[in-house]
Amino acid sequence: MKARSKKDKFKYLVTIAWSEEDQAYVATAPELPGCATHGSTMNEASRNIEDAIDTWLKGAKESGYPIPEPVATKTYSGKFIARIDPRLHRQLAMKSIEQGKSLNRFVEEILKEAFI
């Protein structure tokens, strides 16, 4: 297992959202199962999640639980396989042909538009 530096905790994805149910800001580190905390302000939740990540990493190391590499530091090939409804596959293929693009390029453009 690769040793983690103190600054590694800042490389994990963190989400902070208001919870009406908890009447607090809830902060999670989705890459670290169960790593969550809260705060009465976003700043407090942000500070608390730093401590929660640190505690999670220490606990995982002590128990021998695998520590995932932060998504932010991983490298990706740019390839993935997606299983979709065959009818959607056909529609995407037809639209890509209409636009004179490969299916890969067409789907990449759709994903970029939706997420970037």
Protein backbone atom coordinates (compact mmCIF):
# COMPACT_ATOMS: atom_id res chain seq x y z
CA MET A 1 0.00 0.00 0.00
CA LYS A 2 1.31 3.39 -1.02
CA ALA A 3 1.94 5.85 1.84
CA ARG A 4 -0.26 8.94 1.78
CA SER A 5 0.99 12.41 2.54
CA LYS A 6 -0.92 14.92 4.62
CA LYS A 7 -1.82 16.89 1.51
CA ASP A 8 -3.46 13.80 -0.06
CA LYS A 9 -6.61 14.47 1.94
CA PHE A 10 -7.09 17.62 -0.12
CA LYS A 11 -7.11 15.62 -3.35
CA TYR A 12 -10.31 13.70 -2.63
CA LEU A 13 -13.59 14.91 -4.09
CA VAL A 14 -15.69 16.72 -1.49
CA THR A 15 -19.35 17.64 -1.79
CA ILE A 16 -21.12 20.05 0.53
CA ALA A 17 -24.88 20.50 0.40
CA TRP A 18 -27.57 21.85 2.68
CA SER A 19 -29.68 19.14 4.31
CA GLU A 20 -33.16 20.26 5.21
CA GLU A 21 -33.59 17.07 7.25
CA ASP A 22 -30.45 17.70 9.32
CA GLN A 23 -30.74 21.51 9.24
CA ALA A 24 -27.02 21.61 8.52
CA TYR A 25 -24.51 21.57 5.70
CA VAL A 26 -23.49 17.97 5.06
CA ALA A 27 -20.01 17.33 3.67
CA THR A 28 -19.03 14.01 2.15
CA ALA A 29 -15.96 12.52 0.51
CA PRO A 30 -17.69 10.08 -1.87
CA GLU A 31 -14.46 8.28 -2.78
CA LEU A 32 -14.06 7.22 0.87
CA PRO A 33 -17.06 5.06 1.84
CA GLY A 34 -18.89 6.45 4.86
CA CYS A 35 -16.72 9.57 5.16
CA ALA A 36 -19.14 12.37 6.00
CA THR A 37 -19.66 15.14 8.49
CA HIS A 38 -21.67 18.33 8.88
CA GLY A 39 -21.50 21.92 10.01
CA SER A 40 -23.81 24.83 10.67
CA THR A 41 -22.05 26.80 7.89
CA MET A 42 -20.36 25.76 4.67
CA ASN A 43 -17.01 26.83 6.10
CA GLU A 44 -17.53 24.74 9.20
CA ALA A 45 -18.55 21.72 7.12
CA SER A 46 -15.46 22.26 4.94
CA ARG A 47 -13.16 22.31 7.98
CA ASN A 48 -14.91 19.28 9.45
CA ILE A 49 -14.57 17.20 6.29
CA GLU A 50 -10.81 17.79 6.32
CA ASP A 51 -10.71 16.21 9.77
CA ALA A 52 -13.08 13.43 8.71
CA ILE A 53 -10.88 12.56 5.71
CA ASP A 54 -7.80 12.54 7.91
CA THR A 55 -9.54 10.26 10.43
CA TRP A 56 -10.83 7.98 7.65
CA LEU A 57 -7.35 7.63 6.12
CA LYS A 58 -5.72 6.93 9.51
CA GLY A 59 -8.37 4.34 10.37
CA ALA A 60 -8.06 2.62 7.01
CA LYS A 61 -4.27 2.50 7.31
CA GLU A 62 -4.43 1.07 10.85
CA SER A 63 -6.98 -1.59 9.91
CA GLY A 64 -5.37 -2.52 6.60
CA TYR A 65 -8.39 -1.32 4.63
CA PRO A 66 -7.45 -0.37 1.06
CA ILE A 67 -7.07 3.37 0.52
CA PRO A 68 -8.32 4.44 -2.90
CA GLU A 69 -6.20 6.68 -5.07
CA PRO A 70 -7.91 10.07 -5.40
CA VAL A 71 -9.68 10.46 -8.73
CA ALA A 72 -7.87 13.79 -9.12
CA THR A 73 -4.50 12.02 -9.37
CA LYS A 74 -5.53 9.06 -11.55
CA THR A 75 -4.78 8.97 -15.23
CA TYR A 76 -7.44 7.87 -17.66
CA SER A 77 -7.11 6.32 -21.11
CA GLY A 78 -10.13 8.07 -22.55
CA LYS A 79 -11.83 4.72 -23.22
CA PHE A 80 -14.77 3.20 -21.42
CA ILE A 81 -17.54 0.77 -22.30
CA ALA A 82 -21.14 1.74 -21.70
CA ARG A 83 -24.06 -0.62 -22.03
CA ILE A 84 -27.13 1.23 -23.27
CA ASP A 85 -30.54 0.42 -24.66
CA PRO A 86 -30.09 -0.86 -28.24
CA ARG A 87 -32.73 1.60 -29.47
CA LEU A 88 -30.73 4.50 -28.03
CA HIS A 89 -27.58 3.08 -29.63
CA ARG A 90 -29.36 3.06 -33.01
CA GLN A 91 -30.62 6.65 -32.54
CA LEU A 92 -27.15 7.87 -31.58
CA ALA A 93 -25.60 6.10 -34.56
CA MET A 94 -28.16 7.61 -36.94
CA LYS A 95 -27.70 11.14 -35.54
CA SER A 96 -23.92 10.82 -35.76
CA ILE A 97 -24.19 9.82 -39.42
CA GLU A 98 -26.55 12.73 -40.10
CA GLN A 99 -23.95 15.09 -38.65
CA GLY A 100 -21.08 13.42 -40.50
CA LYS A 101 -19.32 12.39 -37.30
CA SER A 102 -18.14 9.14 -35.83
CA LEU A 103 -20.31 7.74 -33.08
CA ASN A 104 -17.46 8.26 -30.60
CA ARG A 105 -17.02 11.93 -31.56
CA PHE A 106 -20.78 12.55 -31.47
CA VAL A 107 -21.22 11.02 -28.00
CA GLU A 108 -18.11 12.83 -26.72
CA GLU A 109 -19.60 16.16 -27.85
CA ILE A 110 -22.89 15.39 -26.11
CA LEU A 111 -21.09 14.50 -22.89
CA LYS A 112 -18.89 17.60 -23.03
CA GLU A 113 -21.93 19.80 -23.52
CA ALA A 114 -23.67 18.19 -20.56
CA PHE A 115 -20.75 18.12 -18.11
CA ILE A 116 -18.09 20.66 -19.01
